Amino acid sequence: MVDRAPIKTFMDLEIYKSSHQLAMKLFFLSKKFPIEEKYSLTDQIRRSSRSVAANIAEGWGKRIFPLLFKKHLVDSLGSLEETKSWLMFSRDCEYVNLPDFDELFKEYDELGSKIWKLHEVWKDNN
């Protein structure tokens, strides 16, 4: 049996840690985007990637209402899929190389699976 530390804050959630880490990866990657993308693609990909983590944190704060927590996980998944779309534009505009794209896309797919799994197992009467 695996010993796990108790989850006391949203920062203890694996999905939060991963989403924050991925948002930071995209932040540093997007610093290399052309200046003309500052108020469009750069802003959009940063906002959507941060929204994945922010929705998890906000949902955790409202977890006393299980359905509300689950709604925030769904919102997080929506932001995750939006981020993947902006990532595809970044690749197609040749701002992100293929190896970086493939790695990030895979990590976002894995994170999405984990968020969905938590949504599925979270009981409405926790």
Protein backbone atom coordinates (compact mmCIF):
# COMPACT_ATOMS: atom_id res chain seq x y z
CA MET A 1 0.00 0.00 0.00
CA VAL A 2 1.25 3.47 -0.88
CA ASP A 3 1.50 6.00 1.94
CA ARG A 4 0.27 9.36 0.81
CA ALA A 5 0.44 12.61 2.67
CA PRO A 6 -2.97 14.07 3.48
CA ILE A 7 -4.29 16.66 1.08
CA LYS A 8 -4.62 19.84 3.08
CA THR A 9 -4.56 22.49 0.35
CA PHE A 10 -4.96 22.63 -3.40
CA MET A 11 -1.17 22.76 -3.61
CA ASP A 12 -1.07 19.16 -2.36
CA LEU A 13 -3.07 17.94 -5.37
CA GLU A 14 -0.97 16.24 -8.05
CA ILE A 15 -3.18 17.72 -10.77
CA TYR A 16 -2.60 21.22 -9.42
CA LYS A 17 1.16 20.74 -9.27
CA SER A 18 1.23 19.41 -12.84
CA SER A 19 -1.01 22.14 -14.20
CA HIS A 20 1.08 24.85 -12.56
CA GLN A 21 4.30 23.31 -13.90
CA LEU A 22 2.88 23.09 -17.43
CA ALA A 23 1.64 26.69 -17.32
CA MET A 24 5.13 27.79 -16.33
CA LYS A 25 6.68 25.77 -19.18
CA LEU A 26 4.34 27.52 -21.61
CA PHE A 27 5.09 30.89 -20.08
CA PHE A 28 8.82 30.53 -20.67
CA LEU A 29 8.30 29.03 -24.10
CA SER A 30 5.95 31.86 -25.09
CA LYS A 31 8.54 34.48 -24.10
CA LYS A 32 10.20 33.58 -27.41
CA PHE A 33 7.08 34.31 -29.49
CA PRO A 34 7.24 37.34 -31.80
CA ILE A 35 6.33 40.68 -30.26
CA GLU A 36 3.37 41.03 -32.66
CA GLU A 37 1.78 38.04 -30.89
CA LYS A 38 1.99 39.70 -27.44
CA TYR A 39 -1.70 40.63 -27.27
CA SER A 40 -3.02 37.63 -29.15
CA LEU A 41 -1.48 34.18 -29.19
CA THR A 42 0.99 34.82 -26.35
CA ASP A 43 -1.71 36.25 -24.10
CA GLN A 44 -4.23 33.54 -24.99
CA ILE A 45 -1.96 30.57 -24.37
CA ARG A 46 -0.76 32.01 -21.07
CA ARG A 47 -4.29 32.76 -19.86
CA SER A 48 -5.75 29.39 -20.81
CA SER A 49 -2.84 27.42 -19.34
CA ARG A 50 -3.08 29.36 -16.08
CA SER A 51 -6.82 28.82 -16.02
CA VAL A 52 -6.30 25.06 -15.81
CA ALA A 53 -4.52 25.47 -12.47
CA ALA A 54 -6.71 28.32 -11.24
CA ASN A 55 -9.91 26.34 -11.74
CA ILE A 56 -8.49 23.42 -9.77
CA ALA A 57 -7.55 25.77 -6.93
CA GLU A 58 -10.91 27.55 -6.94
CA GLY A 59 -12.78 24.26 -7.05
CA TRP A 60 -10.78 22.94 -4.11
CA GLY A 61 -11.80 26.00 -2.13
CA LYS A 62 -15.46 25.13 -2.82
CA ARG A 63 -15.12 21.38 -2.29
CA ILE A 64 -17.62 21.47 0.57
CA PHE A 65 -20.08 21.46 -2.34
CA PRO A 66 -18.92 18.37 -4.28
CA LEU A 67 -20.86 19.18 -7.44
CA LEU A 68 -19.30 22.64 -7.52
CA PHE A 69 -15.83 21.12 -7.15
CA LYS A 70 -16.59 18.77 -10.03
CA LYS A 71 -17.85 21.70 -12.14
CA HIS A 72 -14.51 23.46 -11.64
CA LEU A 73 -12.70 20.31 -12.73
CA VAL A 74 -14.77 20.35 -15.93
CA ASP A 75 -13.93 24.05 -16.39
CA SER A 76 -10.28 23.12 -15.91
CA LEU A 77 -10.60 20.51 -18.64
CA GLY A 78 -12.13 23.13 -20.94
CA SER A 79 -9.16 25.43 -20.37
CA LEU A 80 -6.81 22.50 -20.92
CA GLU A 81 -8.35 21.74 -24.32
CA GLU A 82 -8.20 25.45 -25.22
CA THR A 83 -4.51 25.46 -24.30
CA LYS A 84 -3.90 22.49 -26.59
CA SER A 85 -5.59 24.39 -29.42
CA TRP A 86 -3.37 27.45 -28.87
CA LEU A 87 -0.38 25.12 -28.69
CA MET A 88 -1.32 23.75 -32.11
CA PHE A 89 -1.46 27.29 -33.51
CA SER A 90 1.95 27.95 -31.97
CA ARG A 91 3.37 24.88 -33.70
CA ASP A 92 1.74 25.72 -37.03
CA CYS A 93 3.05 29.30 -36.88
CA GLU A 94 6.49 27.78 -36.24
CA TYR A 95 6.87 29.41 -32.83
CA VAL A 96 7.20 26.01 -31.13
CA ASN A 97 9.38 23.23 -32.50
CA LEU A 98 7.94 19.77 -33.00
CA PRO A 99 9.75 18.03 -30.09
CA ASP A 100 8.59 20.70 -27.61
CA PHE A 101 5.08 20.56 -29.05
CA ASP A 102 4.92 16.77 -28.82
CA GLU A 103 6.17 16.77 -25.22
CA LEU A 104 3.75 19.47 -24.06
CA PHE A 105 0.79 18.00 -25.93
CA LYS A 106 1.45 14.59 -24.37
CA GLU A 107 1.78 16.11 -20.90
CA TYR A 108 -1.51 17.97 -21.34
CA ASP A 109 -3.21 14.75 -22.50
CA GLU A 110 -1.92 12.96 -19.40
CA LEU A 111 -3.03 15.79 -17.14
CA GLY A 112 -6.47 15.81 -18.75
CA SER A 113 -6.83 12.11 -18.02
CA LYS A 114 -5.91 12.67 -14.37
CA ILE A 115 -8.35 15.55 -13.98
CA TRP A 116 -11.11 13.49 -15.56
CA LYS A 117 -10.30 10.53 -13.32
CA LEU A 118 -10.59 12.72 -10.21
CA HIS A 119 -13.89 14.06 -11.53
CA GLU A 120 -15.17 10.51 -12.00
CA VAL A 121 -14.15 9.20 -8.57
CA TRP A 122 -15.06 12.27 -6.53
CA LYS A 123 -18.18 11.33 -4.66
CA ASP A 124 -21.11 13.72 -4.56
CA ASN A 125 -21.33 13.15 -0.82
CA ASN A 126 -17.62 13.38 0.19
